[in-house]
C-alpha atoms as a PDB file:
ATOM      1  CA  MET A   1       0.000   0.000   0.000  1.00  0.00           C
ATOM      2  CA  MET A   2       1.460   3.369  -1.047  1.00  0.00           C
ATOM      3  CA  ASN A   3       0.019   6.785  -0.067  1.00  0.00           C
ATOM      4  CA  GLY A   4      -3.317   5.146   0.790  1.00  0.00           C
ATOM      5  CA  GLN A   5      -3.498   3.348  -2.562  1.00  0.00           C
ATOM      6  CA  HIS A   6      -3.061  -0.357  -3.074  1.00  0.00           C
ATOM      7  CA  ALA A   7      -0.442  -1.295  -5.646  1.00  0.00           C
ATOM      8  CA  ASP A   8      -1.703  -3.489  -8.448  1.00  0.00           C
ATOM      9  CA  PRO A   9      -0.357  -7.020  -8.639  1.00  0.00           C
ATOM     10  CA  PRO A  10       2.905  -7.181 -10.658  1.00  0.00           C
ATOM     11  CA  SER A  11       1.290  -9.234 -13.411  1.00  0.00           C
ATOM     12  CA  SER A  12      -1.088  -6.340 -14.314  1.00  0.00           C
ATOM     13  CA  ILE A  13       1.451  -3.499 -14.084  1.00  0.00           C
ATOM     14  CA  PRO A  14       3.386  -2.339 -17.163  1.00  0.00           C
ATOM     15  CA  LYS A  15       7.093  -3.113 -17.045  1.00  0.00           C
ATOM     16  CA  SER A  16       9.988  -0.884 -17.979  1.00  0.00           C
ATOM     17  CA  LYS A  17      13.241  -2.501 -19.091  1.00  0.00           C
ATOM     18  CA  THR A  18      16.609  -0.736 -19.176  1.00  0.00           C
ATOM     19  CA  GLY A  19      19.586  -3.010 -19.684  1.00  0.00           C
ATOM     20  CA  ASN A  20      19.272  -5.909 -17.265  1.00  0.00           C
ATOM     21  CA  ASN A  21      16.923  -4.037 -14.909  1.00  0.00           C
ATOM     22  CA  VAL A  22      13.175  -4.611 -14.886  1.00  0.00           C
ATOM     23  CA  MET A  23      10.872  -2.120 -13.175  1.00  0.00           C
ATOM     24  CA  TYR A  24       7.153  -2.500 -12.531  1.00  0.00           C
ATOM     25  CA  TRP A  25       5.150   0.719 -12.715  1.00  0.00           C
ATOM     26  CA  THR A  26       2.972   1.487  -9.683  1.00  0.00           C
ATOM     27  CA  SER A  27       0.632   4.427  -9.097  1.00  0.00           C
ATOM     28  CA  GLU A  28       3.393   6.074  -7.075  1.00  0.00           C
ATOM     29  CA  HIS A  29       5.781   5.782 -10.035  1.00  0.00           C
ATOM     30  CA  ASP A  30       3.072   7.176 -12.319  1.00  0.00           C
ATOM     31  CA  VAL A  31       2.481  10.255 -10.140  1.00  0.00           C
ATOM     32  CA  LEU A  32       6.179  11.101  -9.872  1.00  0.00           C
ATOM     33  CA  LEU A  33       6.627  10.612 -13.612  1.00  0.00           C
ATOM     34  CA  CYS A  34       3.684  12.874 -14.450  1.00  0.00           C
ATOM     35  CA  ARG A  35       4.823  15.571 -12.019  1.00  0.00           C
ATOM     36  CA  GLU A  36       8.188  15.621 -13.745  1.00  0.00           C
ATOM     37  CA  VAL A  37       6.630  15.711 -17.229  1.00  0.00           C
ATOM     38  CA  VAL A  38       4.402  18.655 -16.247  1.00  0.00           C
ATOM     39  CA  SER A  39       7.423  20.443 -14.780  1.00  0.00           C
ATOM     40  CA  GLU A  40       9.690  19.886 -17.796  1.00  0.00           C
ATOM     41  CA  ASN A  41       6.965  20.027 -20.509  1.00  0.00           C
ATOM     42  CA  PRO A  42       8.690  18.263 -23.422  1.00  0.00           C
ATOM     43  CA  PHE A  43       5.803  19.315 -25.686  1.00  0.00           C
ATOM     44  CA  LYS A  44       7.071  22.900 -25.851  1.00  0.00           C
ATOM     45  CA  THR A  45       9.623  21.658 -28.397  1.00  0.00           C
ATOM     46  CA  ARG A  46       8.922  20.265 -31.861  1.00  0.00           C
ATOM     47  CA  LYS A  47       7.971  16.578 -32.080  1.00  0.00           C
ATOM     48  CA  GLY A  48      10.903  14.414 -33.192  1.00  0.00           C
ATOM     49  CA  SER A  49      13.431  17.166 -32.472  1.00  0.00           C
ATOM     50  CA  SER A  50      16.685  16.674 -30.582  1.00  0.00           C
ATOM     51  CA  GLN A  51      15.455  19.250 -28.042  1.00  0.00           C
ATOM     52  CA  ARG A  52      12.426  17.136 -27.141  1.00  0.00           C
ATOM     53  CA  SER A  53      14.582  14.023 -26.943  1.00  0.00           C
ATOM     54  CA  GLU A  54      16.922  15.812 -24.523  1.00  0.00           C
ATOM     55  CA  ILE A  55      14.006  16.741 -22.255  1.00  0.00           C
ATOM     56  CA  TRP A  56      12.745  13.140 -22.128  1.00  0.00           C
ATOM     57  CA  ASP A  57      16.293  12.066 -21.333  1.00  0.00           C
ATOM     58  CA  ARG A  58      16.486  14.626 -18.530  1.00  0.00           C
ATOM     59  CA  ILE A  59      13.169  13.394 -17.093  1.00  0.00           C
ATOM     60  CA  ALA A  60      14.424   9.795 -17.099  1.00  0.00           C
ATOM     61  CA  ASN A  61      17.709  10.761 -15.443  1.00  0.00           C
ATOM     62  CA  THR A  62      15.896  12.734 -12.734  1.00  0.00           C
ATOM     63  CA  LEU A  63      13.583   9.808 -11.965  1.00  0.00           C
ATOM     64  CA  ASN A  64      16.505   7.393 -11.802  1.00  0.00           C
ATOM     65  CA  THR A  65      17.967   9.449  -8.933  1.00  0.00           C
ATOM     66  CA  CYS A  66      14.879   8.780  -6.760  1.00  0.00           C
ATOM     67  CA  SER A  67      15.529   6.492  -3.817  1.00  0.00           C
ATOM     68  CA  LYS A  68      11.862   5.703  -3.189  1.00  0.00           C
ATOM     69  CA  PRO A  69      10.262   4.491  -5.312  1.00  0.00           C
ATOM     70  CA  VAL A  70      13.191   3.215  -7.332  1.00  0.00           C
ATOM     71  CA  PHE A  71      13.153   3.863 -11.080  1.00  0.00           C
ATOM     72  CA  ALA A  72      15.014   2.030 -13.831  1.00  0.00           C
ATOM     73  CA  VAL A  73      13.971   3.971 -16.929  1.00  0.00           C
ATOM     74  CA  ASP A  74      15.289   5.649 -20.037  1.00  0.00           C
ATOM     75  CA  LYS A  75      13.804   8.367 -22.248  1.00  0.00           C
ATOM     76  CA  ARG A  76      11.962   5.879 -24.422  1.00  0.00           C
ATOM     77  CA  SER A  77      10.333   3.993 -21.549  1.00  0.00           C
ATOM     78  CA  VAL A  78       9.088   7.178 -19.827  1.00  0.00           C
ATOM     79  CA  ARG A  79       7.756   8.580 -23.111  1.00  0.00           C
ATOM     80  CA  ASP A  80       5.974   5.303 -23.906  1.00  0.00           C
ATOM     81  CA  HIS A  81       4.510   5.053 -20.405  1.00  0.00           C
ATOM     82  CA  VAL A  82       3.115   8.578 -20.575  1.00  0.00           C
ATOM     83  CA  GLY A  83       1.380   7.495 -23.795  1.00  0.00           C
ATOM     84  CA  ILE A  84      -0.119   4.511 -21.964  1.00  0.00           C
ATOM     85  CA  LEU A  85      -1.413   6.757 -19.162  1.00  0.00           C
ATOM     86  CA  ILE A  86      -2.944   9.207 -21.653  1.00  0.00           C
ATOM     87  CA  ASN A  87      -4.753   6.400 -23.501  1.00  0.00           C
ATOM     88  CA  ARG A  88      -6.019   5.051 -20.180  1.00  0.00           C
ATOM     89  CA  ILE A  89      -7.465   8.434 -19.163  1.00  0.00           C
ATOM     90  CA  LYS A  90      -9.027   9.005 -22.606  1.00  0.00           C
ATOM     91  CA  LYS A  91     -10.751   5.639 -22.342  1.00  0.00           C
ATOM     92  CA  LYS A  92     -12.025   6.515 -18.850  1.00  0.00           C
ATOM     93  CA  LEU A  93     -13.332   9.919 -20.016  1.00  0.00           C
ATOM     94  CA  ARG A  94     -15.180   8.328 -22.947  1.00  0.00           C
ATOM     95  CA  ALA A  95     -16.796   5.830 -20.574  1.00  0.00           C
ATOM     96  CA  GLU A  96     -17.900   8.659 -18.270  1.00  0.00           C
ATOM     97  CA  GLU A  97     -19.442  10.546 -21.206  1.00  0.00           C
ATOM     98  CA  ARG A  98     -21.507   7.484 -22.116  1.00  0.00           C
ATOM     99  CA  SER A  99     -22.750   7.126 -18.535  1.00  0.00           C
ATOM    100  CA  SER A 100     -25.789   9.379 -18.247  1.00  0.00           C
ATOM    101  CA  GLY A 101     -27.089  10.535 -14.867  1.00  0.00           C
ATOM    102  CA  ILE A 102     -24.124   9.064 -12.986  1.00  0.00           C
ATOM    103  CA  ALA A 103     -21.786  11.517 -11.283  1.00  0.00           C
ATOM    104  CA  PRO A 104     -18.161  10.563 -11.999  1.00  0.00           C
ATOM    105  CA  PRO A 105     -15.909   9.996  -9.005  1.00  0.00           C
ATOM    106  CA  GLU A 106     -13.576  12.759  -7.876  1.00  0.00           C
ATOM    107  CA  PRO A 107     -10.412  12.612 -10.039  1.00  0.00           C
ATOM    108  CA  THR A 108      -7.210  11.455  -8.397  1.00  0.00           C
ATOM    109  CA  GLU A 109      -3.948  13.410  -8.461  1.00  0.00           C
ATOM    110  CA  LEU A 110      -2.682  11.096 -11.190  1.00  0.00           C
ATOM    111  CA  GLU A 111      -5.749  11.700 -13.340  1.00  0.00           C
ATOM    112  CA  ASN A 112      -5.423  15.460 -12.903  1.00  0.00           C
ATOM    113  CA  LEU A 113      -1.758  15.299 -13.844  1.00  0.00           C
ATOM    114  CA  VAL A 114      -2.420  13.194 -16.942  1.00  0.00           C
ATOM    115  CA  GLU A 115      -5.172  15.568 -18.059  1.00  0.00           C
ATOM    116  CA  GLU A 116      -2.766  18.489 -17.562  1.00  0.00           C
ATOM    117  CA  ILE A 117      -0.195  16.678 -19.738  1.00  0.00           C
ATOM    118  CA  MET A 118      -2.862  16.166 -22.415  1.00  0.00           C
ATOM    119  CA  ALA A 119      -3.696  19.884 -22.293  1.00  0.00           C
ATOM    120  CA  LEU A 120      -0.015  20.834 -22.593  1.00  0.00           C
ATOM    121  CA  GLU A 121       0.404  18.596 -25.628  1.00  0.00           C
ATOM    122  CA  GLU A 122      -2.769  19.836 -27.350  1.00  0.00           C
ATOM    123  CA  THR A 123      -1.870  23.488 -26.718  1.00  0.00           C
ATOM    124  CA  ALA A 124       1.674  23.026 -28.018  1.00  0.00           C
ATOM    125  CA  ASP A 125       0.430  21.208 -31.139  1.00  0.00           C
ATOM    126  CA  ALA A 126      -2.058  24.007 -31.874  1.00  0.00           C
ATOM    127  CA  GLU A 127       0.590  26.713 -31.420  1.00  0.00           C
ATOM    128  CA  MET A 128       3.079  24.918 -33.660  1.00  0.00           C
ATOM    129  CA  LYS A 129       0.420  24.386 -36.332  1.00  0.00           C
ATOM    130  CA  GLU A 130      -0.368  28.102 -36.197  1.00  0.00           C
ATOM    131  CA  ASP A 131       3.339  28.951 -36.475  1.00  0.00           C
ATOM    132  CA  ASP A 132       3.723  26.587 -39.438  1.00  0.00           C
ATOM    133  CA  GLU A 133       0.751  28.177 -41.202  1.00  0.00           C
ATOM    134  CA  SER A 134       2.178  31.647 -40.518  1.00  0.00           C
ATOM    135  CA  VAL A 135       5.561  30.656 -41.951  1.00  0.00           C
ATOM    136  CA  LYS A 136       3.853  29.046 -44.949  1.00  0.00           C
ATOM    137  CA  GLY A 137       1.763  32.168 -45.550  1.00  0.00           C
ATOM    138  CA  LYS A 138       4.847  34.370 -45.339  1.00  0.00           C
ATOM    139  CA  ALA A 139       6.715  32.125 -47.782  1.00  0.00           C
ATOM    140  CA  GLU A 140       3.799  32.258 -50.228  1.00  0.00           C
ATOM    141  CA  LYS A 141       3.725  36.070 -50.001  1.00  0.00           C
ATOM    142  CA  GLU A 142       7.473  36.245 -50.639  1.00  0.00           C
ATOM    143  CA  LYS A 143       7.086  33.912 -53.617  1.00  0.00           C
ATOM    144  CA  ALA A 144       4.247  36.029 -55.058  1.00  0.00           C
ATOM    145  CA  LYS A 145       6.300  39.175 -54.561  1.00  0.00           C
ATOM    146  CA  ALA A 146       9.302  37.639 -56.348  1.00  0.00           C
ATOM    147  CA  THR A 147       7.072  36.497 -59.223  1.00  0.00           C
ATOM    148  CA  ASP A 148       5.594  39.982 -59.547  1.00  0.00           C
ATOM    149  CA  MET A 149       9.048  41.559 -59.598  1.00  0.00           C
ATOM    150  CA  ARG A 150      10.189  39.058 -62.235  1.00  0.00           C
ATOM    151  CA  LEU A 151       7.166  39.816 -64.434  1.00  0.00           C
ATOM    152  CA  LYS A 152       7.741  43.564 -64.126  1.00  0.00           C
ATOM    153  CA  ALA A 153      11.400  43.087 -65.059  1.00  0.00           C
ATOM    154  CA  LEU A 154      10.395  41.046 -68.124  1.00  0.00           C
ATOM    155  CA  GLU A 155       7.857  43.707 -69.148  1.00  0.00           C
ATOM    156  CA  LYS A 156      10.548  46.378 -68.845  1.00  0.00           C
ATOM    157  CA  VAL A 157      12.963  44.359 -71.006  1.00  0.00           C
ATOM    158  CA  SER A 158      10.198  43.781 -73.568  1.00  0.00           C
ATOM    159  CA  GLU A 159       9.412  47.508 -73.729  1.00  0.00           C
ATOM    160  CA  THR A 160      13.109  48.356 -74.147  1.00  0.00           C
ATOM    161  CA  MET A 161      13.453  45.834 -76.971  1.00  0.00           C
ATOM    162  CA  LYS A 162      10.370  47.248 -78.719  1.00  0.00           C
ATOM    163  CA  ARG A 163      11.712  50.793 -78.393  1.00  0.00           C
ATOM    164  CA  HIS A 164      15.088  49.777 -79.821  1.00  0.00           C
ATOM    165  CA  SER A 165      13.319  47.904 -82.628  1.00  0.00           C
ATOM    166  CA  GLY A 166      11.304  51.046 -83.460  1.00  0.00           C
ATOM    167  CA  GLU A 167      14.413  53.204 -83.469  1.00  0.00           C
ATOM    168  CA  ASN A 168      16.153  50.753 -85.811  1.00  0.00           C
ATOM    169  CA  ASP A 169      13.155  50.788 -88.160  1.00  0.00           C
ATOM    170  CA  GLN A 170      13.214  54.593 -88.292  1.00  0.00           C
ATOM    171  CA  GLU A 171      16.933  54.577 -89.019  1.00  0.00           C
ATOM    172  CA  LYS A 172      16.383  52.102 -91.865  1.00  0.00           C
ATOM    173  CA  VAL A 173      13.680  54.365 -93.370  1.00  0.00           C
ATOM    174  CA  LYS A 174      16.005  57.364 -93.188  1.00  0.00           C
ATOM    175  CA  LYS A 175      18.790  55.373 -94.843  1.00  0.00           C
ATOM    176  CA  ARG A 176      16.405  54.284 -97.594  1.00  0.00           C
ATOM    177  CA  GLU A 177      15.284  57.885 -98.065  1.00  0.00           C
ATOM    178  CA  ARG A 178      18.869  59.091 -98.261  1.00  0.00           C
ATOM    179  CA  ARG A 179      19.765  56.315-100.679  1.00  0.00           C
ATOM    180  CA  SER A 180      16.691  57.057-102.811  1.00  0.00           C
ATOM    181  CA  GLY A 181      17.599  60.760-102.972  1.00  0.00           C
ATOM    182  CA  SER A 182      21.162  60.026-104.001  1.00  0.00           C
ATOM    183  CA  GLU A 183      20.025  57.650-106.717  1.00  0.00           C
ATOM    184  CA  THR A 184      17.630  60.304-108.111  1.00  0.00           C
ATOM    185  CA  MET A 185      20.377  62.911-108.254  1.00  0.00           C
ATOM    186  CA  LEU A 186      22.692  60.437-110.001  1.00  0.00           C
ATOM    187  CA  PHE A 187      19.956  59.594-112.532  1.00  0.00           C
ATOM    188  CA  LEU A 188      19.265  63.259-113.233  1.00  0.00           C
ATOM    189  CA  SER A 189      22.960  63.973-113.586  1.00  0.00           C
ATOM    190  CA  LYS A 190      23.429  61.156-116.077  1.00  0.00           C
ATOM    191  CA  LYS A 191      20.299  62.239-117.994  1.00  0.00           C
ATOM    192  CA  ALA A 192      21.590  65.805-118.203  1.00  0.00           C
ATOM    193  CA  GLU A 193      24.920  64.554-119.537  1.00  0.00           C
ATOM    194  CA  LYS A 194      23.126  62.425-122.112  1.00  0.00           C
ATOM    195  CA  ASP A 195      20.941  65.328-123.225  1.00  0.00           C
ATOM    196  CA  GLN A 196      23.965  67.545-123.491  1.00  0.00           C
ATOM    197  CA  GLY A 197      25.661  64.943-125.655  1.00  0.00           C
ATOM    198  CA  LEU A 198      22.673  64.708-127.963  1.00  0.00           C
ATOM    199  CA  LYS A 199      22.619  68.480-128.377  1.00  0.00           C
ATOM    200  CA  LEU A 200      26.262  68.524-129.305  1.00  0.00           C
ATOM    201  CA  GLU A 201      25.715  65.813-131.895  1.00  0.00           C
ATOM    202  CA  GLY A 202      22.869  67.823-133.434  1.00  0.00           C
ATOM    203  CA  LEU A 203      25.200  70.786-133.915  1.00  0.00           C
END
């Protein structure tokens, strides 16, 4: 009996294995674990990150320093056991919702702690999702801005090319006009010479 609560028989208690040590989880272990998880709050870091892994490791190391009850855990076993406790409480809450007209019993410290852990995880997940959406929205705005700038640059290049093309066309017309004028003068000059020659022959 621990803190007024009877420990479950070993056969029904989840085990935690680290190396050659085997530890059976009791309600007293569960409470100390959950207190530490609430204190450290590994959910404030991104899931799967090295930062979250370090926090779970720190929780395990802290628990392993306890003299009573004795822990033999690592970061994986404490993380997995918290998952077991959360699933257990979710199942209990669903059963209470289905029970109509029956007042649920007063929650224990462990149940309150597990529900607090669930709230911490849900809040952190929502905040990270919001941050991800904000970053995504910012990236999309930056991409749209870059596309707009690129289109404006292309339009400017196109206008410059058209202007240069127009200037070249005008220069070609002027050259043709100058060439046409020179050819006319040459024709008139040759015609005058020919007429002069004919006049001389008639004399």
